């Protein structure tokens, strides 16, 4: 029997363990009503995650798994969800998180809401690590004890038409923070009424939060310093200018796929420099502009000279010398260029395991 799809639930995913995804989807399988689908977008997971996740997701008849992007692209939840909504068959869509458990009456409640002129936000109950471990052992929703509730959490129900009308989530937002509130602000600017629902329908399984990472440290996993504040500033910018439709420079919902990464394996231009400030600055702000239409591989390697006794003696004696830039600051400069200027290009950003080399390959 064919079930009519009235609701599409959108998930954006990258490199999370299988067990929590399975429990999330099991809670959806237990719903009282089944007039829904899941659009599960895997945005550039490593093979060690994507292969078992694909296998798991595809065991649920209501779920559609798609792998988009590739591991060399920075995490961008907005891009993943903008792609997802284009695949949705439901008139209404729910943006959710892969760490969420759904009460068995949740879909019933969602289907009862009219999204023609309104969008809905929800309370989210947060479980601590102990309670989340119980979830893995299939403890029922009602037996779980919530640590606290939050109201700004990325959960939103709206019409697919409204989602597309405001050009979706702003692609500027990378890594973590503010893309959801910015989306709500623009939906209100568009003329939709915001409704806050008080029902307890969703619980969030514990995981380490982004705030617990020190983005001032240089690590193999790329993180831009102060990115949450940068994203917040962009939210303020959009709000002050009353921007409703971002992403105007690309076709909304377009995205790269794994096949596109193969194009980066054959660069036409090689630029290799050390971590001298002037060289890094000049390439990122001037040099790169001369390679339009080319695939460029840009490599910065830490120069041992900047850690030598000779360099430090010259510094103490205040003798003129080359000025270094730390590898962390180099990384932030490149990431900043990606976020602000090259966010819609096909690229691969990598940091070597010894933290001495940064590699950025980009299709200009």
Protein backbone atom coordinates (compact mmCIF):
# COMPACT_ATOMS: atom_id res chain seq x y z
CA UNK A 1 0.00 0.00 0.00
CA UNK A 2 1.31 3.44 -0.95
CA UNK A 3 1.37 5.93 1.92
CA UNK A 4 0.71 9.58 1.06
CA UNK A 5 3.61 11.80 2.06
CA UNK A 6 2.36 14.88 3.89
CA UNK A 7 5.48 15.61 5.92
CA UNK A 8 9.17 15.49 5.01
CA UNK A 9 11.70 15.31 7.86
CA UNK A 10 15.10 16.69 6.87
CA UNK A 11 18.33 15.48 8.46
CA UNK A 12 21.83 16.83 7.78
CA UNK A 13 24.59 14.45 8.90
CA UNK A 14 28.35 14.12 9.04
CA UNK A 15 30.59 11.65 10.87
CA UNK A 16 28.36 10.58 13.76
CA UNK A 17 28.20 7.08 15.21
CA UNK A 18 25.66 4.62 13.82
CA UNK A 19 23.98 3.78 17.13
CA UNK A 20 22.42 7.21 17.70
CA UNK A 21 21.19 7.43 14.10
CA UNK A 22 19.57 4.03 14.39
CA UNK A 23 17.82 4.98 17.64
CA UNK A 24 16.56 8.23 16.12
CA UNK A 25 15.08 6.42 13.13
CA UNK A 26 13.63 3.69 15.34
CA UNK A 27 11.72 6.37 17.24
CA UNK A 28 10.25 7.50 13.92
CA UNK A 29 9.39 3.95 12.94
CA UNK A 30 7.29 3.72 16.13
CA UNK A 31 5.13 6.74 15.22
CA UNK A 32 1.34 6.44 15.40
CA UNK A 33 1.06 7.90 11.90
CA UNK A 34 3.27 7.06 8.94
CA UNK A 35 2.37 9.77 6.43
CA UNK A 36 5.93 11.06 6.37
CA UNK A 37 9.33 10.54 4.78
CA UNK A 38 12.90 11.17 5.92
CA UNK A 39 15.37 12.93 3.64
CA UNK A 40 18.74 11.97 5.10
CA UNK A 41 21.62 13.98 3.63
CA UNK A 42 25.13 12.78 4.40
CA UNK A 43 27.27 15.87 3.84
CA UNK A 44 30.79 14.66 3.18
CA UNK A 45 31.29 11.95 5.79
CA UNK A 46 34.44 9.85 5.75
CA UNK A 47 33.99 6.36 4.28
CA UNK A 48 34.31 4.78 7.73
CA UNK A 49 31.07 6.55 8.70
CA UNK A 50 29.19 6.86 5.42
CA UNK A 51 29.19 3.18 4.50
CA UNK A 52 27.60 1.84 7.73
CA UNK A 53 25.25 4.85 7.95
CA UNK A 54 23.98 4.28 4.42
CA UNK A 55 23.35 0.63 5.22
CA UNK A 56 21.50 1.54 8.44
CA UNK A 57 19.35 4.32 6.98
CA UNK A 58 18.28 2.20 4.03
CA UNK A 59 16.80 -0.46 6.36
CA UNK A 60 13.99 2.02 7.14
CA UNK A 61 11.42 2.13 4.33
CA UNK A 62 10.48 5.75 4.99
CA UNK A 63 14.08 7.03 4.75
CA UNK A 64 15.98 8.21 1.68
CA UNK A 65 19.79 8.38 1.99
CA UNK A 66 21.89 10.63 -0.25
CA UNK A 67 25.62 11.24 -0.01
CA UNK A 68 26.56 14.74 -1.15
CA UNK A 69 29.66 16.94 -0.97
CA UNK A 70 32.94 15.25 0.03
CA UNK A 71 35.24 15.20 3.09
CA UNK A 72 37.40 18.06 1.79
CA UNK A 73 34.53 20.54 2.04
CA UNK A 74 33.89 22.32 5.33
CA UNK A 75 30.77 21.35 7.29
CA UNK A 76 27.85 23.46 6.12
CA UNK A 77 24.48 22.48 7.53
CA UNK A 78 22.73 25.13 5.46
CA UNK A 79 23.91 23.65 2.17
CA UNK A 80 22.92 20.14 3.25
CA UNK A 81 19.39 21.19 4.22
CA UNK A 82 18.92 23.38 1.15
CA UNK A 83 19.68 20.34 -0.96
CA UNK A 84 17.39 18.18 1.17
CA UNK A 85 14.31 20.36 0.76
CA UNK A 86 14.61 20.10 -3.01
CA UNK A 87 14.13 16.33 -2.67
CA UNK A 88 11.15 16.62 -0.30
CA UNK A 89 7.73 15.38 -1.40
CA UNK A 90 5.77 16.68 1.58
CA UNK A 91 3.94 19.99 1.64
CA UNK A 92 5.33 20.54 5.14
CA UNK A 93 8.94 20.00 6.22
CA UNK A 94 10.54 19.56 9.62
CA UNK A 95 14.20 20.42 10.06
CA UNK A 96 15.46 18.07 12.75
CA UNK A 97 18.73 16.81 14.19
CA UNK A 98 20.12 13.28 13.88
CA UNK A 99 20.49 13.21 17.68
CA UNK A 100 16.76 13.58 18.36
CA UNK A 101 14.29 11.04 19.72
CA UNK A 102 10.67 11.48 18.65
CA UNK A 103 7.78 10.76 20.99
CA UNK A 104 5.38 8.29 19.36
CA UNK A 105 2.76 11.02 18.94
CA UNK A 106 5.19 13.57 17.45
CA UNK A 107 4.31 13.07 13.78
CA UNK A 108 0.61 13.07 14.65
CA UNK A 109 1.10 16.49 16.27
CA UNK A 110 3.17 17.82 13.35
CA UNK A 111 0.57 16.74 10.79
CA UNK A 112 -2.13 18.62 12.71
CA UNK A 113 -0.40 21.98 12.15
CA UNK A 114 -1.28 24.36 9.31
CA UNK A 115 1.92 25.70 7.76
CA UNK A 116 0.32 27.92 5.12
CA UNK A 117 1.01 31.17 7.00
CA UNK A 118 2.95 30.07 10.08
CA UNK A 119 6.08 28.26 11.16
CA UNK A 120 6.51 26.36 14.42
CA UNK A 121 9.35 26.10 16.93
CA UNK A 122 9.54 23.44 19.65
CA UNK A 123 10.83 22.73 23.14
CA UNK A 124 13.66 20.25 23.12
CA UNK A 125 14.54 18.13 26.12
CA UNK A 126 18.26 17.51 26.57
CA UNK A 127 19.42 14.20 28.02
CA UNK A 128 22.65 13.86 29.95
CA UNK A 129 25.24 11.25 29.01
CA UNK A 130 23.85 8.62 31.40
CA UNK A 131 20.29 8.93 30.11
CA UNK A 132 21.54 8.91 26.52
CA UNK A 133 23.32 5.63 27.16
CA UNK A 134 19.98 4.19 28.24
CA UNK A 135 18.59 5.13 24.84
CA UNK A 136 21.10 2.85 23.13
CA UNK A 137 19.54 0.03 25.15
CA UNK A 138 16.07 0.93 23.82
CA UNK A 139 14.66 2.57 26.94
CA UNK A 140 11.28 4.11 26.05
CA UNK A 141 10.81 7.85 25.55
CA UNK A 142 8.57 8.19 28.61
CA UNK A 143 11.13 6.55 30.94
CA UNK A 144 13.89 9.04 30.15
CA UNK A 145 14.75 11.89 32.53
CA UNK A 146 15.48 15.25 30.94
CA UNK A 147 18.39 17.37 32.21
CA UNK A 148 16.95 20.65 30.88
CA UNK A 149 14.81 22.10 28.08
CA UNK A 150 15.82 24.55 25.35
CA UNK A 151 13.73 26.57 22.90
CA UNK A 152 16.33 27.64 20.31
CA UNK A 153 17.51 24.34 18.93
CA UNK A 154 17.18 24.12 15.14
CA UNK A 155 13.81 22.33 15.21
CA UNK A 156 11.34 24.06 12.92
CA UNK A 157 8.20 23.05 11.04
CA UNK A 158 7.17 25.05 7.97
CA UNK A 159 5.85 24.67 4.47
CA UNK A 160 8.18 23.57 1.70
CA UNK A 161 6.95 26.56 -0.29
CA UNK A 162 8.03 29.02 2.44
CA UNK A 163 11.40 27.28 2.82
CA UNK A 164 12.12 27.78 -0.87
CA UNK A 165 10.60 31.27 -1.02
CA UNK A 166 13.27 32.69 1.33
CA UNK A 167 16.08 30.81 -0.48
CA UNK A 168 16.47 28.43 2.44
CA UNK A 169 19.20 28.68 5.04
CA UNK A 170 22.02 31.13 4.41
CA UNK A 171 25.04 29.30 2.93
CA UNK A 172 27.43 31.70 4.66
CA UNK A 173 27.13 29.86 7.97
CA UNK A 174 29.91 27.28 8.35
CA UNK A 175 30.85 24.96 11.21
CA UNK A 176 28.34 25.89 13.93
CA UNK A 177 25.98 28.60 15.08
CA UNK A 178 23.24 31.09 14.14
CA UNK A 179 21.97 29.57 10.89
CA UNK A 180 18.71 28.55 12.58
CA UNK A 181 17.91 31.91 14.22
CA UNK A 182 18.80 33.72 11.01
CA UNK A 183 16.35 31.44 9.17
CA UNK A 184 13.56 32.21 11.66
CA UNK A 185 14.22 35.95 11.40
CA UNK A 186 13.93 35.86 7.62
CA UNK A 187 10.76 33.75 7.72
CA UNK A 188 9.18 36.44 9.90
CA UNK A 189 10.45 39.16 7.55
CA UNK A 190 8.77 37.20 4.75
CA UNK A 191 5.47 37.52 6.61
CA UNK A 192 5.04 34.20 8.39
CA UNK A 193 3.83 34.03 11.97
CA UNK A 194 6.16 32.36 14.49
CA UNK A 195 4.42 29.96 16.88
CA UNK A 196 6.23 28.43 19.87
CA UNK A 197 4.92 24.99 20.81
CA UNK A 198 5.17 23.91 24.45
CA UNK A 199 4.50 20.19 24.01
CA UNK A 200 7.29 17.76 24.96
CA UNK A 201 7.75 15.76 21.77
CA UNK A 202 11.50 15.66 21.21
CA UNK A 203 14.51 14.63 23.30
CA UNK A 204 18.13 15.25 22.34
CA UNK A 205 20.73 12.56 22.94
CA UNK A 206 23.94 13.77 24.57
CA UNK A 207 27.08 14.46 22.60
CA UNK A 208 30.07 16.72 23.03
CA UNK A 209 29.03 20.25 22.09
CA UNK A 210 30.93 22.55 19.74
CA UNK A 211 31.56 25.01 22.58
CA UNK A 212 33.72 22.40 24.31
CA UNK A 213 36.31 22.60 21.51
CA UNK A 214 38.99 25.26 21.72
CA UNK A 215 38.95 26.87 18.29
CA UNK A 216 42.08 28.86 19.14
CA UNK A 217 44.10 25.63 18.96
CA UNK A 218 45.54 24.29 15.72
CA UNK A 219 44.39 20.72 15.09
CA UNK A 220 43.94 18.34 12.16
CA UNK A 221 40.20 18.96 12.24
CA UNK A 222 39.76 22.47 10.80
CA UNK A 223 38.12 25.07 13.03
CA UNK A 224 38.04 28.80 12.46
CA UNK A 225 38.85 30.95 15.47
CA UNK A 226 35.79 32.72 16.94
CA UNK A 227 33.48 31.25 14.31
CA UNK A 228 30.40 31.39 16.53
CA UNK A 229 30.82 35.15 16.95
CA UNK A 230 31.51 35.56 13.24
CA UNK A 231 28.31 33.68 12.44
CA UNK A 232 26.42 35.76 15.00
CA UNK A 233 27.72 38.94 13.35
CA UNK A 234 26.41 37.70 10.00
CA UNK A 235 23.02 37.05 11.59
CA UNK A 236 23.00 40.65 12.89
CA UNK A 237 24.04 41.88 9.44
CA UNK A 238 21.15 40.07 7.75
CA UNK A 239 18.70 41.31 10.35
CA UNK A 240 19.81 44.96 10.21
CA UNK A 241 19.61 44.99 6.40
CA UNK A 242 16.29 43.10 6.49
CA UNK A 243 17.64 40.48 4.11
CA UNK A 244 15.03 37.85 3.27
CA UNK A 245 16.70 35.99 0.41
CA UNK A 246 20.43 35.21 0.74
CA UNK A 247 22.27 32.84 -1.61
CA UNK A 248 21.36 35.01 -4.60
CA UNK A 249 24.65 34.30 -6.40
CA UNK A 250 23.94 30.61 -6.95
CA UNK A 251 21.01 28.39 -7.82
CA UNK A 252 19.45 27.65 -4.46
CA UNK A 253 20.00 24.05 -3.40
CA UNK A 254 22.87 23.28 -5.80
CA UNK A 255 25.62 21.21 -4.26
CA UNK A 256 28.78 19.25 -5.04
CA UNK A 257 29.04 15.48 -5.07
CA UNK A 258 31.80 12.98 -4.48
CA UNK A 259 32.57 12.80 -8.20
CA UNK A 260 33.49 16.48 -8.07
CA UNK A 261 36.32 15.74 -5.67
CA UNK A 262 38.05 13.73 -8.39
CA UNK A 263 38.50 16.96 -10.37
CA UNK A 264 40.72 18.18 -7.54
CA UNK A 265 43.11 15.25 -7.98
CA UNK A 266 44.52 16.86 -11.13
CA UNK A 267 45.55 20.44 -10.29
CA UNK A 268 46.87 22.59 -13.13
CA UNK A 269 48.61 25.18 -10.96
CA UNK A 270 50.86 24.44 -7.98
CA UNK A 271 51.69 27.17 -5.48
CA UNK A 272 54.01 26.09 -2.65
CA UNK A 273 55.24 28.59 -0.07
CA UNK A 274 56.41 28.73 3.52
CA UNK A 275 54.56 30.40 6.36
CA UNK A 276 55.90 33.87 5.68
CA UNK A 277 53.12 36.36 6.35
CA UNK A 278 53.64 38.47 3.22
CA UNK A 279 53.60 35.43 0.93
CA UNK A 280 50.44 33.95 2.45
CA UNK A 281 48.64 37.30 2.45
CA UNK A 282 49.59 38.13 -1.13
CA UNK A 283 48.46 34.83 -2.59
CA UNK A 284 45.11 34.83 -0.77
CA UNK A 285 44.32 38.43 -1.62
CA UNK A 286 46.02 38.95 -4.99
CA UNK A 287 47.68 35.90 -6.53
CA UNK A 288 44.64 33.64 -6.49
CA UNK A 289 42.72 36.12 -8.63
CA UNK A 290 44.91 35.31 -11.66
CA UNK A 291 43.91 31.65 -12.00
CA UNK A 292 40.24 31.83 -12.94
CA UNK A 293 39.01 28.59 -14.51
CA UNK A 294 41.98 26.59 -13.20
CA UNK A 295 42.36 23.94 -10.51
CA UNK A 296 44.93 25.33 -8.09
CA UNK A 297 46.75 23.48 -5.32
CA UNK A 298 48.02 25.89 -2.65
CA UNK A 299 50.42 24.48 -0.06
CA UNK A 300 51.84 26.25 2.98
CA UNK A 301 54.60 24.49 4.92
CA UNK A 302 55.99 25.60 8.24
CA UNK A 303 59.54 26.91 7.78
CA UNK A 304 61.94 25.52 10.39
CA UNK A 305 63.92 28.75 10.16
CA UNK A 306 61.22 30.55 12.16
CA UNK A 307 61.95 28.22 15.08
CA UNK A 308 65.74 28.52 14.80
CA UNK A 309 68.19 30.17 17.19
CA UNK A 310 69.31 32.50 14.40
CA UNK A 311 65.78 33.83 13.88
CA UNK A 312 65.21 34.43 17.61
CA UNK A 313 68.58 36.17 18.01
CA UNK A 314 67.79 38.51 15.12
CA UNK A 315 64.43 39.19 16.73
CA UNK A 316 66.05 40.02 20.09
CA UNK A 317 68.56 42.29 18.36
CA UNK A 318 65.69 43.89 16.42
CA UNK A 319 67.30 43.16 13.08
CA UNK A 320 65.07 43.18 10.01
CA UNK A 321 63.96 39.74 8.92
CA UNK A 322 61.06 37.94 7.32
CA UNK A 323 57.83 37.96 9.36
CA UNK A 324 56.23 34.57 10.02
CA UNK A 325 52.57 33.76 10.44
CA UNK A 326 51.61 30.84 12.66
CA UNK A 327 50.11 27.78 11.01
CA UNK A 328 46.93 28.35 13.02
CA UNK A 329 46.62 31.91 11.71
CA UNK A 330 47.41 30.68 8.21
CA UNK A 331 44.62 28.14 8.53
CA UNK A 332 42.21 30.82 9.72
CA UNK A 333 43.15 33.08 6.80
CA UNK A 334 42.44 30.32 4.27
CA UNK A 335 39.23 29.26 6.03
CA UNK A 336 38.12 32.89 6.14
CA UNK A 337 38.61 33.18 2.38
CA UNK A 338 36.62 30.00 1.81
CA UNK A 339 33.74 31.20 3.99
CA UNK A 340 33.58 34.76 2.69
CA UNK A 341 34.56 34.37 -0.97
CA UNK A 342 34.87 30.77 -2.17
CA UNK A 343 32.04 29.05 -0.32
CA UNK A 344 30.35 28.00 -3.58
CA UNK A 345 33.49 26.57 -5.19
CA UNK A 346 34.60 22.97 -5.29
CA UNK A 347 37.62 22.72 -2.98
CA UNK A 348 39.48 20.42 -0.59
CA UNK A 349 40.99 21.74 2.62
CA UNK A 350 43.45 19.57 4.56
CA UNK A 351 45.82 19.86 7.52
CA UNK A 352 48.65 17.33 7.80
CA UNK A 353 48.83 15.05 10.82
CA UNK A 354 52.06 16.69 11.99
CA UNK A 355 50.39 20.13 11.73
CA UNK A 356 53.23 21.45 9.61
CA UNK A 357 51.44 21.65 6.24
CA UNK A 358 48.16 23.14 5.02
CA UNK A 359 46.84 22.07 1.63
CA UNK A 360 44.03 23.84 -0.18
CA UNK A 361 43.01 22.66 -3.63
CA UNK A 362 40.30 24.69 -5.34
CA UNK A 363 38.50 24.73 -8.67
CA UNK A 364 38.36 28.44 -9.51
